Amino acid sequence: MHFNPYGGAAAELAAALVNASPGTSARDLERLLHAQGYQPVGTLTDDQAAGLMAWARRLEEVFTRPERRVGLVNALLVDSASRPYISTHDDRPPHLHFAPERAPTPERVRAFTAAGLAHAVCQDPDRLGRCAREGCGVVFVDTSRNGRRRYCDTRCANRVHVREHRRRGLSG
């Protein structure tokens, strides 16, 4: 599956924010944004970090409530989006922005993730999911070729398969 490059990166950033621990510090959020390739990243205050973590809880519902996905994303767009425009900052090729480049980082991240999830939902809403392993709450954007991903990573999938194998062996 090839997501729109803007929507894919933004949807994956949304998943990374959701998967961050609720009390993630401002510095750790800055590192997370850098690791996800988000730019430019400004310095976050503790209040801004707390606001982004509250935003992450709203993003989480998009991954976990498929029956409400469109309405949830529309609400995120209302609360975050400004006028889209094309930017070429930092010698990057033309790309879309939904908040001014000089806006505070949290404002830009909210607009970026809301728009990215909107792109993902419009392309294939079933590509947003939560790990099917009991006890794992990790969310993901399924970029696999066949779109049938059920687990956050191979480790979770292996744990489930080993448990199922052992259960069949004990009952057989």
C-alpha atoms as a PDB file:
ATOM      1  CA  MET A   1       0.000   0.000   0.000  1.00  0.00           C
ATOM      2  CA  HIS A   2       1.407   3.352  -0.986  1.00  0.00           C
ATOM      3  CA  PHE A   3      -0.039   6.130   1.092  1.00  0.00           C
ATOM      4  CA  ASN A   4       0.186   9.705  -0.003  1.00  0.00           C
ATOM      5  CA  PRO A   5       3.657  10.632   1.296  1.00  0.00           C
ATOM      6  CA  TYR A   6       2.224  13.462   3.387  1.00  0.00           C
ATOM      7  CA  GLY A   7      -0.623  11.374   4.772  1.00  0.00           C
ATOM      8  CA  GLY A   8       1.550   8.333   5.412  1.00  0.00           C
ATOM      9  CA  ALA A   9       4.242  10.140   7.393  1.00  0.00           C
ATOM     10  CA  ALA A  10       1.648  12.144   9.272  1.00  0.00           C
ATOM     11  CA  ALA A  11      -0.489   9.096  10.076  1.00  0.00           C
ATOM     12  CA  GLU A  12       2.625   7.271  11.285  1.00  0.00           C
ATOM     13  CA  LEU A  13       3.496  10.256  13.490  1.00  0.00           C
ATOM     14  CA  ALA A  14      -0.050  10.080  14.880  1.00  0.00           C
ATOM     15  CA  ALA A  15       0.534   6.396  15.743  1.00  0.00           C
ATOM     16  CA  ALA A  16       3.885   7.218  17.374  1.00  0.00           C
ATOM     17  CA  LEU A  17       2.233   9.891  19.538  1.00  0.00           C
ATOM     18  CA  VAL A  18      -0.512   7.478  20.568  1.00  0.00           C
ATOM     19  CA  ASN A  19       2.096   4.849  21.458  1.00  0.00           C
ATOM     20  CA  ALA A  20       4.097   7.290  23.610  1.00  0.00           C
ATOM     21  CA  SER A  21       3.680   6.944  27.355  1.00  0.00           C
ATOM     22  CA  PRO A  22       1.048   9.319  28.778  1.00  0.00           C
ATOM     23  CA  GLY A  23       3.579  11.222  30.903  1.00  0.00           C
ATOM     24  CA  THR A  24       6.157  11.654  28.129  1.00  0.00           C
ATOM     25  CA  SER A  25       8.360  14.675  28.820  1.00  0.00           C
ATOM     26  CA  ALA A  26       8.794  17.654  26.526  1.00  0.00           C
ATOM     27  CA  ARG A  27      12.368  16.575  25.663  1.00  0.00           C
ATOM     28  CA  ASP A  28      11.239  13.020  24.892  1.00  0.00           C
ATOM     29  CA  LEU A  29       8.477  14.356  22.636  1.00  0.00           C
ATOM     30  CA  GLU A  30      11.018  16.509  20.807  1.00  0.00           C
ATOM     31  CA  ARG A  31      13.148  13.377  20.264  1.00  0.00           C
ATOM     32  CA  LEU A  32      10.076  11.449  19.082  1.00  0.00           C
ATOM     33  CA  LEU A  33       9.265  14.190  16.541  1.00  0.00           C
ATOM     34  CA  HIS A  34      12.873  14.182  15.297  1.00  0.00           C
ATOM     35  CA  ALA A  35      12.903  10.373  15.058  1.00  0.00           C
ATOM     36  CA  GLN A  36       9.719  10.504  12.974  1.00  0.00           C
ATOM     37  CA  GLY A  37      11.349  12.970  10.557  1.00  0.00           C
ATOM     38  CA  TYR A  38       9.039  15.817  11.547  1.00  0.00           C
ATOM     39  CA  GLN A  39      10.510  19.240  10.823  1.00  0.00           C
ATOM     40  CA  PRO A  40      11.079  21.803  11.942  1.00  0.00           C
ATOM     41  CA  VAL A  41      10.830  20.818  15.604  1.00  0.00           C
ATOM     42  CA  GLY A  42      10.852  23.685  18.027  1.00  0.00           C
ATOM     43  CA  THR A  43      11.435  23.527  21.751  1.00  0.00           C
ATOM     44  CA  LEU A  44       8.417  22.270  23.681  1.00  0.00           C
ATOM     45  CA  THR A  45       7.368  23.465  27.118  1.00  0.00           C
ATOM     46  CA  ASP A  46       5.965  21.058  29.691  1.00  0.00           C
ATOM     47  CA  ASP A  47       2.485  22.518  29.103  1.00  0.00           C
ATOM     48  CA  GLN A  48       2.818  22.040  25.340  1.00  0.00           C
ATOM     49  CA  ALA A  49       3.951  18.448  25.876  1.00  0.00           C
ATOM     50  CA  ALA A  50       0.944  17.800  28.106  1.00  0.00           C
ATOM     51  CA  GLY A  51      -1.290  19.318  25.420  1.00  0.00           C
ATOM     52  CA  LEU A  52       0.218  17.057  22.746  1.00  0.00           C
ATOM     53  CA  MET A  53      -0.301  14.016  24.950  1.00  0.00           C
ATOM     54  CA  ALA A  54      -3.961  15.018  25.400  1.00  0.00           C
ATOM     55  CA  TRP A  55      -4.135  15.328  21.601  1.00  0.00           C
ATOM     56  CA  ALA A  56      -2.616  11.837  21.333  1.00  0.00           C
ATOM     57  CA  ARG A  57      -5.513  10.437  23.382  1.00  0.00           C
ATOM     58  CA  ARG A  58      -7.894  11.909  20.809  1.00  0.00           C
ATOM     59  CA  LEU A  59      -5.821  10.450  17.966  1.00  0.00           C
ATOM     60  CA  GLU A  60      -5.986   7.052  19.638  1.00  0.00           C
ATOM     61  CA  GLU A  61      -9.728   6.828  19.120  1.00  0.00           C
ATOM     62  CA  VAL A  62      -9.237   7.030  15.352  1.00  0.00           C
ATOM     63  CA  PHE A  63      -7.225   3.798  15.525  1.00  0.00           C
ATOM     64  CA  THR A  64      -9.489   2.011  17.997  1.00  0.00           C
ATOM     65  CA  ARG A  65     -13.018   3.113  17.079  1.00  0.00           C
ATOM     66  CA  PRO A  66     -13.421   2.226  13.382  1.00  0.00           C
ATOM     67  CA  GLU A  67     -17.187   2.683  13.528  1.00  0.00           C
ATOM     68  CA  ARG A  68     -16.654   6.359  14.438  1.00  0.00           C
ATOM     69  CA  ARG A  69     -13.461   6.975  12.464  1.00  0.00           C
ATOM     70  CA  VAL A  70     -14.769   9.519   9.926  1.00  0.00           C
ATOM     71  CA  GLY A  71     -16.536  11.626  12.549  1.00  0.00           C
ATOM     72  CA  LEU A  72     -13.517  11.527  14.846  1.00  0.00           C
ATOM     73  CA  VAL A  73     -11.150  12.660  12.091  1.00  0.00           C
ATOM     74  CA  ASN A  74     -13.555  15.411  11.048  1.00  0.00           C
ATOM     75  CA  ALA A  75     -13.593  16.667  14.643  1.00  0.00           C
ATOM     76  CA  LEU A  76      -9.783  16.631  14.709  1.00  0.00           C
ATOM     77  CA  LEU A  77      -9.686  18.603  11.464  1.00  0.00           C
ATOM     78  CA  VAL A  78     -12.108  21.201  12.832  1.00  0.00           C
ATOM     79  CA  ASP A  79      -9.989  21.624  15.950  1.00  0.00           C
ATOM     80  CA  SER A  80      -6.679  21.847  14.122  1.00  0.00           C
ATOM     81  CA  ALA A  81      -6.749  22.748  10.450  1.00  0.00           C
ATOM     82  CA  SER A  82      -6.106  26.093   8.908  1.00  0.00           C
ATOM     83  CA  ARG A  83      -5.780  26.870   5.235  1.00  0.00           C
ATOM     84  CA  PRO A  84      -3.625  24.380   3.342  1.00  0.00           C
ATOM     85  CA  TYR A  85      -0.724  25.755   1.369  1.00  0.00           C
ATOM     86  CA  ILE A  86       2.422  24.530  -0.343  1.00  0.00           C
ATOM     87  CA  SER A  87       5.729  25.086   1.415  1.00  0.00           C
ATOM     88  CA  THR A  88       9.375  24.600   0.409  1.00  0.00           C
ATOM     89  CA  HIS A  89      11.134  25.312   3.738  1.00  0.00           C
ATOM     90  CA  ASP A  90      14.543  23.861   4.644  1.00  0.00           C
ATOM     91  CA  ASP A  91      15.381  23.211   0.970  1.00  0.00           C
ATOM     92  CA  ARG A  92      12.724  20.477   0.878  1.00  0.00           C
ATOM     93  CA  PRO A  93      10.641  19.837  -2.247  1.00  0.00           C
ATOM     94  CA  PRO A  94       7.153  21.338  -2.326  1.00  0.00           C
ATOM     95  CA  HIS A  95       4.858  19.792   0.283  1.00  0.00           C
ATOM     96  CA  LEU A  96       1.586  20.634   1.971  1.00  0.00           C
ATOM     97  CA  HIS A  97       1.246  22.482   5.242  1.00  0.00           C
ATOM     98  CA  PHE A  98      -1.962  22.918   7.187  1.00  0.00           C
ATOM     99  CA  ALA A  99      -0.600  25.373   9.759  1.00  0.00           C
ATOM    100  CA  PRO A 100       1.834  28.258   9.333  1.00  0.00           C
ATOM    101  CA  GLU A 101       5.513  27.263   9.435  1.00  0.00           C
ATOM    102  CA  ARG A 102       6.157  29.699  12.256  1.00  0.00           C
ATOM    103  CA  ALA A 103       3.243  28.493  14.372  1.00  0.00           C
ATOM    104  CA  PRO A 104       4.117  26.762  17.642  1.00  0.00           C
ATOM    105  CA  THR A 105       5.144  23.139  17.207  1.00  0.00           C
ATOM    106  CA  PRO A 106       2.022  21.700  18.914  1.00  0.00           C
ATOM    107  CA  GLU A 107      -0.273  23.624  16.567  1.00  0.00           C
ATOM    108  CA  ARG A 108       1.634  22.350  13.544  1.00  0.00           C
ATOM    109  CA  VAL A 109       1.729  18.761  14.872  1.00  0.00           C
ATOM    110  CA  ARG A 110      -2.027  18.779  15.502  1.00  0.00           C
ATOM    111  CA  ALA A 111      -2.730  20.001  11.964  1.00  0.00           C
ATOM    112  CA  PHE A 112      -0.197  17.558  10.465  1.00  0.00           C
ATOM    113  CA  THR A 113      -1.555  14.486  12.257  1.00  0.00           C
ATOM    114  CA  ALA A 114      -5.216  15.361  11.676  1.00  0.00           C
ATOM    115  CA  ALA A 115      -4.598  15.860   7.952  1.00  0.00           C
ATOM    116  CA  GLY A 116      -2.492  12.687   7.756  1.00  0.00           C
ATOM    117  CA  LEU A 117      -5.210  10.602   9.368  1.00  0.00           C
ATOM    118  CA  ALA A 118      -7.743  12.187   7.010  1.00  0.00           C
ATOM    119  CA  HIS A 119      -5.617  11.089   4.024  1.00  0.00           C
ATOM    120  CA  ALA A 120      -5.288   7.577   5.455  1.00  0.00           C
ATOM    121  CA  VAL A 121      -9.017   7.284   6.179  1.00  0.00           C
ATOM    122  CA  CYS A 122      -9.896   8.455   2.670  1.00  0.00           C
ATOM    123  CA  GLN A 123      -7.434   6.038   1.046  1.00  0.00           C
ATOM    124  CA  ASP A 124      -8.136   2.945   3.146  1.00  0.00           C
ATOM    125  CA  PRO A 125      -9.509   3.320   6.677  1.00  0.00           C
ATOM    126  CA  ASP A 126      -8.844  -0.334   7.477  1.00  0.00           C
ATOM    127  CA  ARG A 127      -5.108   0.408   7.386  1.00  0.00           C
ATOM    128  CA  LEU A 128      -5.317   1.999  10.850  1.00  0.00           C
ATOM    129  CA  GLY A 129      -5.327  -0.546  13.628  1.00  0.00           C
ATOM    130  CA  ARG A 130      -4.417  -1.748  17.086  1.00  0.00           C
ATOM    131  CA  CYS A 131      -2.321  -4.833  17.815  1.00  0.00           C
ATOM    132  CA  ALA A 132      -4.505  -7.940  18.124  1.00  0.00           C
ATOM    133  CA  ARG A 133      -2.340  -9.497  20.842  1.00  0.00           C
ATOM    134  CA  GLU A 134      -4.200  -9.460  24.135  1.00  0.00           C
ATOM    135  CA  GLY A 135      -2.570  -6.977  26.487  1.00  0.00           C
ATOM    136  CA  CYS A 136      -0.793  -5.002  23.758  1.00  0.00           C
ATOM    137  CA  GLY A 137      -2.210  -1.565  23.115  1.00  0.00           C
ATOM    138  CA  VAL A 138       0.153  -0.462  20.333  1.00  0.00           C
ATOM    139  CA  VAL A 139      -1.510   1.183  17.338  1.00  0.00           C
ATOM    140  CA  PHE A 140      -0.113   1.128  13.804  1.00  0.00           C
ATOM    141  CA  VAL A 141      -0.567   2.204  10.209  1.00  0.00           C
ATOM    142  CA  ASP A 142      -0.645  -0.913   8.043  1.00  0.00           C
ATOM    143  CA  THR A 143       1.628  -0.313   5.070  1.00  0.00           C
ATOM    144  CA  SER A 144       1.907  -4.004   4.213  1.00  0.00           C
ATOM    145  CA  ARG A 145       1.314  -5.055   0.640  1.00  0.00           C
ATOM    146  CA  ASN A 146      -1.865  -7.030   1.317  1.00  0.00           C
ATOM    147  CA  GLY A 147      -3.266  -4.803   4.072  1.00  0.00           C
ATOM    148  CA  ARG A 148      -3.917  -7.651   6.492  1.00  0.00           C
ATOM    149  CA  ARG A 149      -1.642  -6.692   9.350  1.00  0.00           C
ATOM    150  CA  ARG A 150      -3.019  -7.669  12.780  1.00  0.00           C
ATOM    151  CA  TYR A 151      -0.037  -7.167  15.087  1.00  0.00           C
ATOM    152  CA  CYS A 152       2.203  -4.233  15.890  1.00  0.00           C
ATOM    153  CA  ASP A 153       5.358  -6.219  15.178  1.00  0.00           C
ATOM    154  CA  THR A 154       6.721  -9.695  14.549  1.00  0.00           C
ATOM    155  CA  ARG A 155       7.354 -10.257  18.253  1.00  0.00           C
ATOM    156  CA  CYS A 156       3.680  -9.865  19.166  1.00  0.00           C
ATOM    157  CA  ALA A 157       2.624 -12.042  16.231  1.00  0.00           C
ATOM    158  CA  ASN A 158       5.099 -14.744  17.269  1.00  0.00           C
ATOM    159  CA  ARG A 159       3.887 -14.692  20.866  1.00  0.00           C
ATOM    160  CA  VAL A 160       0.311 -15.252  19.737  1.00  0.00           C
ATOM    161  CA  HIS A 161       1.278 -18.009  17.308  1.00  0.00           C
ATOM    162  CA  VAL A 162       3.444 -19.826  19.875  1.00  0.00           C
ATOM    163  CA  ARG A 163       0.647 -19.628  22.447  1.00  0.00           C
ATOM    164  CA  GLU A 164      -1.848 -21.021  19.897  1.00  0.00           C
ATOM    165  CA  HIS A 165       0.585 -23.778  18.908  1.00  0.00           C
ATOM    166  CA  ARG A 166       1.126 -24.782  22.535  1.00  0.00           C
ATOM    167  CA  ARG A 167      -2.595 -24.760  23.217  1.00  0.00           C
ATOM    168  CA  ARG A 168      -3.238 -27.052  20.223  1.00  0.00           C
ATOM    169  CA  GLY A 169      -0.421 -29.357  21.355  1.00  0.00           C
ATOM    170  CA  LEU A 170      -1.827 -29.626  24.872  1.00  0.00           C
ATOM    171  CA  SER A 171      -5.375 -30.322  23.759  1.00  0.00           C
ATOM    172  CA  GLY A 172      -4.440 -32.785  21.038  1.00  0.00           C
END
